[in-house]
N, C-alpha and C. Protein backbone atom coordinates (compact mmCIF):
# COMPACT_ATOMS: atom_id res chain seq x y z
N MET A 1 -9.66 6.91 -2.06
CA MET A 1 -8.44 6.78 -1.51
C MET A 1 -7.85 8.15 -1.07
N LYS A 2 -7.13 8.26 -0.23
CA LYS A 2 -6.27 9.22 0.41
C LYS A 2 -4.62 8.70 0.40
N GLY A 3 -4.15 9.59 0.05
CA GLY A 3 -2.57 9.98 0.06
C GLY A 3 -1.70 9.30 -0.77
N PHE A 4 -0.55 9.83 -1.04
CA PHE A 4 0.51 8.75 -1.14
C PHE A 4 0.75 7.73 -0.61
N LEU A 5 1.34 7.46 0.57
CA LEU A 5 1.35 6.87 1.53
C LEU A 5 0.65 5.01 1.27
N THR A 6 -0.87 5.59 1.34
CA THR A 6 -2.03 4.84 0.53
C THR A 6 -1.40 4.08 -0.46
N PHE A 7 -1.47 4.80 -1.07
CA PHE A 7 -1.58 4.56 -2.87
C PHE A 7 -0.02 3.25 -2.49
N LEU A 8 0.89 3.90 -1.95
CA LEU A 8 2.13 2.73 -1.86
C LEU A 8 1.89 1.27 -1.21
N VAL A 9 1.53 1.48 -0.14
CA VAL A 9 1.10 0.06 0.43
C VAL A 9 -0.32 -0.31 -0.17
N LEU A 10 -0.96 0.18 -0.63
CA LEU A 10 -1.84 -1.11 -1.69
C LEU A 10 -0.73 -1.99 -2.60
N ARG A 11 0.00 -1.02 -3.74
CA ARG A 11 0.60 -1.47 -4.30
C ARG A 11 2.10 -2.70 -3.80
N LEU A 12 2.10 -2.51 -2.31
CA LEU A 12 3.35 -3.52 -1.99
C LEU A 12 2.66 -4.55 -1.66
N ILE A 13 1.56 -4.76 -1.06
CA ILE A 13 0.65 -5.70 -0.82
C ILE A 13 -0.51 -6.32 -2.07
N LYS A 14 -0.02 -5.19 -3.34
CA LYS A 14 -0.66 -6.25 -3.93
C LYS A 14 0.54 -7.68 -4.75
N LYS A 15 1.46 -6.81 -4.63
CA LYS A 15 3.04 -7.59 -4.57
C LYS A 15 2.98 -9.03 -4.08
N LYS A 16 2.64 -9.16 -2.65
CA LYS A 16 2.69 -10.16 -2.34
C LYS A 16 1.93 -9.89 -0.48
N SER A 17 1.05 -10.43 0.37
CA SER A 17 0.51 -10.47 1.22
C SER A 17 1.50 -9.99 2.18
N SER A 18 1.63 -9.06 3.05
CA SER A 18 2.49 -8.46 3.83
C SER A 18 2.51 -7.77 5.30
N SER A 19 3.15 -8.07 5.95
CA SER A 19 2.76 -7.47 7.49
C SER A 19 2.99 -6.32 7.29
N GLY A 20 2.47 -5.31 8.41
CA GLY A 20 3.25 -4.03 8.45
C GLY A 20 4.57 -3.55 9.24
N GLU A 21 4.84 -4.65 9.57
CA GLU A 21 6.35 -4.63 9.42
C GLU A 21 6.79 -4.72 8.26
N ASP A 22 6.50 -6.09 7.47
CA ASP A 22 7.27 -5.63 5.76
C ASP A 22 7.22 -4.88 4.90
N ILE A 23 5.81 -4.04 5.29
CA ILE A 23 5.66 -2.77 4.57
C ILE A 23 7.01 -1.77 5.27
N ARG A 24 6.56 -1.83 6.04
CA ARG A 24 7.80 -0.94 6.96
C ARG A 24 9.03 -0.92 6.89
N GLN A 25 9.59 -2.04 6.54
CA GLN A 25 10.74 -2.23 5.85
C GLN A 25 11.29 -2.55 4.75
N GLU A 26 9.89 -2.54 3.35
CA GLU A 26 10.40 -2.46 2.09
C GLU A 26 10.37 -0.87 2.14
N LEU A 27 9.70 -0.33 2.49
CA LEU A 27 9.71 1.17 2.59
C LEU A 27 11.01 1.81 2.73
N GLU A 28 11.53 1.26 4.07
CA GLU A 28 13.03 2.00 4.25
C GLU A 28 13.63 1.35 2.97
N LYS A 29 14.36 -0.35 2.51
CA LYS A 29 14.50 -0.61 1.80
C LYS A 29 14.78 0.66 0.38
N ARG A 30 13.20 1.16 0.23
CA ARG A 30 13.03 2.01 -1.43
C ARG A 30 13.37 3.07 -1.08
N LYS A 31 13.12 3.93 0.34
CA LYS A 31 13.18 5.34 0.35
C LYS A 31 14.17 5.38 1.10
N GLY A 32 14.60 5.03 1.83
CA GLY A 32 15.91 5.03 2.51
C GLY A 32 15.50 5.34 4.56
N CYS A 33 14.47 5.42 4.40
CA CYS A 33 14.28 5.54 6.13
C CYS A 33 12.57 4.98 6.04
N LYS A 34 13.02 4.85 7.56
CA LYS A 34 11.64 3.98 8.15
C LYS A 34 10.62 4.43 8.90
N PRO A 35 9.24 3.90 7.91
CA PRO A 35 8.35 4.82 8.83
C PRO A 35 7.98 4.19 9.78
N SER A 36 7.72 5.27 10.97
CA SER A 36 7.20 4.71 12.25
C SER A 36 6.11 3.82 12.18
N ALA A 37 5.79 2.75 13.08
CA ALA A 37 4.93 2.19 13.52
C ALA A 37 3.33 2.82 13.34
N GLY A 38 3.60 4.19 13.99
CA GLY A 38 2.30 5.00 13.90
C GLY A 38 2.07 5.80 12.48
N THR A 39 2.66 5.58 11.66
CA THR A 39 2.63 5.86 10.58
C THR A 39 2.15 4.98 9.49
N ILE A 40 2.47 3.77 9.52
CA ILE A 40 1.98 2.42 8.25
C ILE A 40 0.41 2.10 9.09
N TYR A 41 0.43 1.62 10.41
CA TYR A 41 -0.82 0.99 11.10
C TYR A 41 -2.35 1.83 10.98
N PRO A 42 -2.21 3.31 11.40
CA PRO A 42 -3.30 4.05 10.96
C PRO A 42 -3.28 4.02 9.50
N VAL A 43 -2.74 3.73 8.44
CA VAL A 43 -2.55 3.58 6.65
C VAL A 43 -3.87 2.01 6.54
N LEU A 44 -3.46 1.09 7.56
CA LEU A 44 -3.98 -0.24 7.56
C LEU A 44 -5.27 -0.33 7.76
N LYS A 45 -5.21 0.54 9.03
CA LYS A 45 -6.88 0.22 9.68
C LYS A 45 -7.97 0.94 8.58
N TYR A 46 -7.27 2.62 8.11
CA TYR A 46 -8.32 2.78 6.88
C TYR A 46 -8.39 1.65 6.24
N LEU A 47 -7.48 1.37 5.30
CA LEU A 47 -7.65 0.79 4.00
C LEU A 47 -8.78 -0.72 4.42
N LYS A 48 -8.36 -1.51 5.43
CA LYS A 48 -8.88 -2.68 6.43
C LYS A 48 -10.30 -2.14 5.99
N GLU A 49 -11.04 -0.93 6.86
CA GLU A 49 -12.02 -0.72 7.35
C GLU A 49 -12.69 0.02 6.31
N SER A 50 -11.98 0.44 4.45
CA SER A 50 -12.70 0.10 3.50
C SER A 50 -12.99 -0.35 2.59
N THR A 51 -12.55 -1.67 3.38
CA THR A 51 -12.27 -2.98 2.85
C THR A 51 -11.76 -2.87 1.79
N LEU A 52 -10.33 -2.43 1.83
CA LEU A 52 -9.56 -2.56 0.21
C LEU A 52 -8.43 -3.38 0.73
N ILE A 53 -8.70 -3.71 1.96
CA ILE A 53 -7.38 -4.95 2.26
C ILE A 53 -8.38 -5.86 3.13
N GLU A 54 -7.78 -7.37 3.52
CA GLU A 54 -8.00 -8.02 4.66
C GLU A 54 -7.04 -8.58 5.01
N GLU A 55 -7.46 -9.50 6.68
CA GLU A 55 -6.34 -9.87 7.11
C GLU A 55 -6.59 -11.22 6.35
N THR A 56 -5.34 -11.96 6.16
CA THR A 56 -5.29 -13.09 5.68
C THR A 56 -4.30 -13.95 6.89
N SER A 57 -4.45 -15.40 6.92
CA SER A 57 -3.90 -16.49 7.87
C SER A 57 -2.44 -17.05 7.02
N ASP A 58 -1.67 -16.87 7.93
CA ASP A 58 -0.82 -18.40 6.79
C ASP A 58 0.00 -18.59 8.26
N GLY A 59 -0.99 -18.57 9.61
CA GLY A 59 -0.76 -19.51 10.92
C GLY A 59 0.79 -19.07 11.80
N ALA A 60 1.48 -17.48 10.62
CA ALA A 60 1.77 -17.01 11.53
C ALA A 60 1.13 -16.31 12.95
N LYS A 61 2.27 -16.06 13.98
CA LYS A 61 1.38 -14.63 14.56
C LYS A 61 1.27 -13.30 14.21
N GLU A 62 2.03 -12.80 13.63
CA GLU A 62 1.60 -11.55 12.83
C GLU A 62 0.62 -11.78 11.82
N LYS A 63 0.03 -10.58 11.54
CA LYS A 63 -1.06 -10.25 10.77
C LYS A 63 -0.52 -10.55 10.22
N LYS A 64 -0.73 -10.42 8.46
CA LYS A 64 -0.47 -10.34 7.11
C LYS A 64 -2.36 -9.69 6.68
N TYR A 65 -1.70 -8.86 5.03
CA TYR A 65 -3.05 -8.23 4.27
C TYR A 65 -2.17 -8.42 2.78
N SER A 66 -3.93 -8.77 2.55
CA SER A 66 -4.07 -8.90 0.99
C SER A 66 -5.11 -7.85 0.30
N LEU A 67 -4.83 -7.64 -0.76
CA LEU A 67 -5.96 -7.04 -1.12
C LEU A 67 -7.38 -7.77 -1.72
N THR A 68 -8.42 -7.00 -1.30
CA THR A 68 -9.78 -7.22 -1.76
C THR A 68 -10.33 -7.39 -3.52
N GLU A 69 -11.49 -8.11 -3.68
CA GLU A 69 -11.35 -7.34 -5.15
C GLU A 69 -11.46 -5.76 -5.51
N LYS A 70 -12.22 -5.27 -4.62
CA LYS A 70 -12.29 -4.05 -4.41
C LYS A 70 -10.91 -3.06 -4.16
N GLY A 71 -10.20 -3.53 -3.41
CA GLY A 71 -8.57 -2.91 -3.62
C GLY A 71 -7.96 -3.01 -5.05
N LYS A 72 -8.24 -3.90 -5.37
CA LYS A 72 -7.68 -4.69 -6.87
C LYS A 72 -8.02 -3.39 -7.32
N LYS A 73 -9.53 -3.42 -7.85
CA LYS A 73 -10.61 -1.87 -8.66
C LYS A 73 -9.62 -0.74 -8.41
N GLU A 74 -9.70 -0.24 -6.90
CA GLU A 74 -9.14 0.89 -6.88
C GLU A 74 -8.25 1.20 -6.49
N LEU A 75 -6.87 0.20 -6.82
CA LEU A 75 -5.41 0.57 -6.93
C LEU A 75 -5.43 0.79 -8.32
N GLU A 76 -6.19 -0.18 -9.14
CA GLU A 76 -6.05 -0.03 -10.62
C GLU A 76 -6.61 1.96 -11.50
N VAL A 77 -7.29 2.11 -10.79
CA VAL A 77 -8.47 3.74 -10.80
C VAL A 77 -6.72 4.53 -10.22
N ALA A 78 -6.35 4.33 -9.17
CA ALA A 78 -5.24 5.42 -8.26
C ALA A 78 -4.33 5.21 -9.81
N THR A 79 -3.82 4.15 -10.27
CA THR A 79 -2.59 4.01 -10.68
C THR A 79 -2.71 4.45 -12.26
N ARG A 80 -3.77 5.10 -12.90
CA ARG A 80 -4.31 5.37 -13.79
C ARG A 80 -3.93 7.11 -13.61
N LYS A 81 -4.87 7.18 -12.62
CA LYS A 81 -4.62 8.73 -12.10
C LYS A 81 -3.04 9.31 -11.90
N PHE A 82 -2.52 8.41 -11.16
CA PHE A 82 -1.06 8.71 -10.88
C PHE A 82 -0.18 9.14 -11.91
N MET A 83 -0.21 7.75 -12.91
CA MET A 83 0.15 7.95 -14.15
C MET A 83 0.19 8.97 -15.16
N LYS A 84 -1.50 9.53 -15.18
CA LYS A 84 -1.63 10.75 -15.89
C LYS A 84 -1.35 11.53 -15.46
N MET A 85 -1.00 12.24 -14.21
CA MET A 85 -1.13 13.30 -13.17
C MET A 85 0.58 13.22 -13.60
N PHE A 86 1.11 11.79 -13.45
CA PHE A 86 3.07 12.45 -13.44
C PHE A 86 3.74 11.94 -14.71
N ALA A 87 2.89 11.50 -15.48
CA ALA A 87 3.57 11.21 -17.00
C ALA A 87 4.51 12.71 -17.72
N ASP A 88 3.55 13.86 -17.43
CA ASP A 88 4.14 14.83 -18.23
C ASP A 88 5.31 15.33 -17.57
N VAL A 89 5.72 15.19 -16.29
CA VAL A 89 7.12 15.24 -15.59
C VAL A 89 8.59 14.55 -16.53
N PHE A 90 7.72 13.09 -16.80
CA PHE A 90 9.36 12.66 -17.41
C PHE A 90 9.72 13.33 -18.93
N GLU A 91 8.32 13.65 -19.01
CA GLU A 91 8.40 14.35 -20.59
C GLU A 91 9.41 15.46 -20.92
N GLU A 92 9.84 16.53 -19.51
CA GLU A 92 10.15 17.68 -19.61
C GLU A 92 11.55 17.56 -20.11
N ASN A 93 12.06 16.59 -19.89
CA ASN A 93 13.30 16.83 -20.22
C ASN A 93 13.85 16.66 -21.50
């Protein structure tokens, strides 16, 4: 898996099936700035081509994405790596 944004997108999709716009809005709410469509959609394309996410249909016009089993496993591994890498940051105080 590449990049922190990819990690964030997988974590958001794990919580609920989401569209690209849902993800953009959630990141704006959490981080204070809304990433452009040109930032989010290439990440979604990469994740789909890597079979980490799949399109789901809920009858709406907008494409929604959910994690595949492979995506769930990859996210677990990435979360462990993230925690191992950054856990000491919180211990320095």
